[in-house]
Amino acid sequence: MLGTVPWLVVAGVVEGFVTPARIGLGPAVALGVALGAVYWSLVAWRGGLAEEQPAPVLTAAPGSSP
C-alpha cells in the first residue's frame, strides 16, 4: 500500500499542473504513456512473487533424549 501513495501524488501533480496547462494531445499522451510505463515496470519488478523458502528442519536440542 505504501507504494501506491507516491503514485497518487504524481497523479495529483499531473492533474493540478499538466492538465490545466493545455500542452496538447501529443505531449499529454507521451507523458501518460511514459508514466504508465514506469508504473507497470515497477509493478512487474517489485510486485513479483517471492521466492519460496525451504521449511526449516527441526532437530532435537543437544543433550535431550529422543
N, C-alpha and C. Protein backbone atom coordinates (compact mmCIF):
# COMPACT_ATOMS: atom_id res chain seq x y z
N MET A 1 0.82 -1.19 0.00
CA MET A 1 0.00 0.00 0.00
C MET A 1 0.87 1.26 0.00
N LEU A 2 1.99 1.21 0.67
CA LEU A 2 2.85 2.39 0.69
C LEU A 2 3.41 2.73 -0.68
N GLY A 3 3.50 1.75 -1.55
CA GLY A 3 3.97 2.01 -2.90
C GLY A 3 2.95 2.76 -3.74
N THR A 4 1.71 2.77 -3.31
CA THR A 4 0.65 3.45 -4.04
C THR A 4 0.62 4.95 -3.77
N VAL A 5 1.01 5.34 -2.58
CA VAL A 5 0.93 6.74 -2.16
C VAL A 5 1.72 7.67 -3.09
N PRO A 6 2.97 7.36 -3.45
CA PRO A 6 3.68 8.27 -4.37
C PRO A 6 2.98 8.42 -5.72
N TRP A 7 2.31 7.36 -6.17
CA TRP A 7 1.62 7.45 -7.46
C TRP A 7 0.38 8.33 -7.37
N LEU A 8 -0.24 8.36 -6.20
CA LEU A 8 -1.35 9.29 -6.01
C LEU A 8 -0.86 10.73 -6.03
N VAL A 9 0.32 10.96 -5.49
CA VAL A 9 0.92 12.30 -5.53
C VAL A 9 1.25 12.69 -6.97
N VAL A 10 1.84 11.75 -7.72
CA VAL A 10 2.16 12.01 -9.13
C VAL A 10 0.88 12.33 -9.90
N ALA A 11 -0.17 11.55 -9.68
CA ALA A 11 -1.45 11.80 -10.37
C ALA A 11 -2.00 13.17 -10.00
N GLY A 12 -1.87 13.56 -8.74
CA GLY A 12 -2.33 14.88 -8.32
C GLY A 12 -1.54 16.00 -8.97
N VAL A 13 -0.24 15.82 -9.08
CA VAL A 13 0.60 16.84 -9.73
C VAL A 13 0.24 16.96 -11.21
N VAL A 14 0.05 15.82 -11.86
CA VAL A 14 -0.33 15.86 -13.28
C VAL A 14 -1.68 16.55 -13.45
N GLU A 15 -2.65 16.18 -12.63
CA GLU A 15 -3.97 16.79 -12.74
C GLU A 15 -3.94 18.27 -12.35
N GLY A 16 -3.09 18.63 -11.42
CA GLY A 16 -3.06 20.01 -10.95
C GLY A 16 -2.28 20.96 -11.83
N PHE A 17 -1.22 20.46 -12.46
CA PHE A 17 -0.35 21.37 -13.21
C PHE A 17 -0.30 21.08 -14.71
N VAL A 18 -0.32 19.83 -15.09
CA VAL A 18 -0.17 19.48 -16.50
C VAL A 18 -1.50 19.63 -17.24
N THR A 19 -2.58 19.11 -16.65
CA THR A 19 -3.88 19.17 -17.33
C THR A 19 -4.32 20.60 -17.63
N PRO A 20 -4.24 21.53 -16.66
CA PRO A 20 -4.67 22.90 -16.98
C PRO A 20 -3.73 23.63 -17.93
N ALA A 21 -2.52 23.15 -18.13
CA ALA A 21 -1.55 23.84 -18.98
C ALA A 21 -1.90 23.72 -20.46
N ARG A 22 -2.79 22.79 -20.80
CA ARG A 22 -3.20 22.59 -22.19
C ARG A 22 -1.98 22.43 -23.09
N ILE A 23 -1.19 21.40 -22.80
CA ILE A 23 0.05 21.18 -23.54
C ILE A 23 -0.16 20.52 -24.89
N GLY A 24 -1.36 20.12 -25.19
CA GLY A 24 -1.64 19.48 -26.47
C GLY A 24 -1.78 17.98 -26.32
N LEU A 25 -2.38 17.38 -27.32
CA LEU A 25 -2.67 15.95 -27.26
C LEU A 25 -1.40 15.10 -27.31
N GLY A 26 -0.48 15.42 -28.20
CA GLY A 26 0.75 14.62 -28.35
C GLY A 26 1.58 14.55 -27.08
N PRO A 27 1.95 15.70 -26.51
CA PRO A 27 2.72 15.67 -25.27
C PRO A 27 1.96 15.05 -24.10
N ALA A 28 0.65 15.25 -24.05
CA ALA A 28 -0.15 14.67 -22.97
C ALA A 28 -0.16 13.15 -23.07
N VAL A 29 -0.32 12.63 -24.27
CA VAL A 29 -0.28 11.17 -24.47
C VAL A 29 1.10 10.63 -24.16
N ALA A 30 2.14 11.34 -24.60
CA ALA A 30 3.52 10.90 -24.33
C ALA A 30 3.79 10.85 -22.83
N LEU A 31 3.34 11.87 -22.11
CA LEU A 31 3.52 11.88 -20.65
C LEU A 31 2.76 10.73 -20.00
N GLY A 32 1.52 10.51 -20.43
CA GLY A 32 0.72 9.42 -19.88
C GLY A 32 1.34 8.06 -20.16
N VAL A 33 1.82 7.85 -21.37
CA VAL A 33 2.45 6.58 -21.72
C VAL A 33 3.74 6.39 -20.93
N ALA A 34 4.53 7.46 -20.77
CA ALA A 34 5.77 7.36 -20.01
C ALA A 34 5.51 7.03 -18.54
N LEU A 35 4.56 7.73 -17.93
CA LEU A 35 4.23 7.45 -16.53
C LEU A 35 3.65 6.04 -16.38
N GLY A 36 2.83 5.63 -17.33
CA GLY A 36 2.28 4.27 -17.29
C GLY A 36 3.36 3.22 -17.42
N ALA A 37 4.33 3.46 -18.30
CA ALA A 37 5.44 2.51 -18.47
C ALA A 37 6.28 2.39 -17.21
N VAL A 38 6.56 3.52 -16.57
CA VAL A 38 7.32 3.49 -15.31
C VAL A 38 6.53 2.74 -14.24
N TYR A 39 5.25 3.04 -14.13
CA TYR A 39 4.41 2.39 -13.11
C TYR A 39 4.37 0.87 -13.32
N TRP A 40 4.06 0.43 -14.53
CA TRP A 40 3.93 -1.00 -14.76
C TRP A 40 5.28 -1.71 -14.72
N SER A 41 6.36 -1.02 -15.04
CA SER A 41 7.69 -1.62 -14.87
C SER A 41 7.98 -1.88 -13.40
N LEU A 42 7.64 -0.92 -12.56
CA LEU A 42 7.83 -1.11 -11.12
C LEU A 42 6.92 -2.20 -10.57
N VAL A 43 5.69 -2.27 -11.06
CA VAL A 43 4.78 -3.33 -10.62
C VAL A 43 5.36 -4.70 -10.98
N ALA A 44 5.85 -4.84 -12.21
CA ALA A 44 6.41 -6.12 -12.64
C ALA A 44 7.68 -6.45 -11.87
N TRP A 45 8.51 -5.44 -11.59
CA TRP A 45 9.78 -5.68 -10.92
C TRP A 45 9.59 -5.94 -9.42
N ARG A 46 8.87 -5.07 -8.75
CA ARG A 46 8.72 -5.17 -7.30
C ARG A 46 7.53 -6.02 -6.86
N GLY A 47 6.59 -6.25 -7.75
CA GLY A 47 5.37 -6.95 -7.36
C GLY A 47 5.37 -8.42 -7.71
N GLY A 48 6.52 -8.96 -8.09
CA GLY A 48 6.59 -10.38 -8.43
C GLY A 48 6.43 -11.27 -7.22
N LEU A 49 6.22 -12.53 -7.49
CA LEU A 49 6.08 -13.50 -6.41
C LEU A 49 7.40 -13.67 -5.67
N ALA A 50 7.32 -13.83 -4.39
CA ALA A 50 8.52 -14.06 -3.59
C ALA A 50 9.03 -15.47 -3.83
N GLU A 51 10.34 -15.62 -3.75
CA GLU A 51 10.92 -16.95 -3.90
C GLU A 51 10.55 -17.80 -2.70
N GLU A 52 10.22 -19.04 -2.98
CA GLU A 52 9.80 -19.92 -1.89
C GLU A 52 11.02 -20.34 -1.07
N GLN A 53 10.91 -20.17 0.23
CA GLN A 53 11.98 -20.53 1.15
C GLN A 53 11.75 -21.96 1.63
N PRO A 54 12.79 -22.78 1.72
CA PRO A 54 12.60 -24.13 2.25
C PRO A 54 12.22 -24.07 3.73
N ALA A 55 11.40 -25.01 4.15
CA ALA A 55 10.97 -25.06 5.55
C ALA A 55 12.17 -25.42 6.43
N PRO A 56 12.28 -24.81 7.59
CA PRO A 56 13.42 -25.13 8.48
C PRO A 56 13.29 -26.56 9.00
N VAL A 57 14.43 -27.20 9.14
CA VAL A 57 14.47 -28.55 9.67
C VAL A 57 14.59 -28.49 11.17
N LEU A 58 13.66 -29.12 11.88
CA LEU A 58 13.67 -29.12 13.33
C LEU A 58 14.52 -30.29 13.84
N THR A 59 15.43 -29.98 14.69
CA THR A 59 16.28 -31.03 15.27
C THR A 59 16.18 -30.95 16.79
N ALA A 60 16.54 -32.05 17.43
CA ALA A 60 16.50 -32.09 18.89
C ALA A 60 17.62 -31.24 19.46
N ALA A 61 17.38 -30.64 20.60
CA ALA A 61 18.39 -29.82 21.26
C ALA A 61 19.49 -30.72 21.81
N PRO A 62 20.72 -30.25 21.83
CA PRO A 62 21.82 -31.07 22.37
C PRO A 62 21.55 -31.44 23.83
N GLY A 63 21.75 -32.70 24.14
CA GLY A 63 21.57 -33.18 25.50
C GLY A 63 20.17 -33.65 25.81
N SER A 64 19.24 -33.53 24.86
CA SER A 64 17.88 -34.00 25.12
C SER A 64 17.74 -35.43 24.64
N SER A 65 16.81 -36.15 25.23
CA SER A 65 16.60 -37.55 24.81
C SER A 65 15.58 -37.60 23.68
N PRO A 66 15.72 -38.58 22.77
CA PRO A 66 14.80 -38.66 21.63
C PRO A 66 13.42 -39.08 21.98
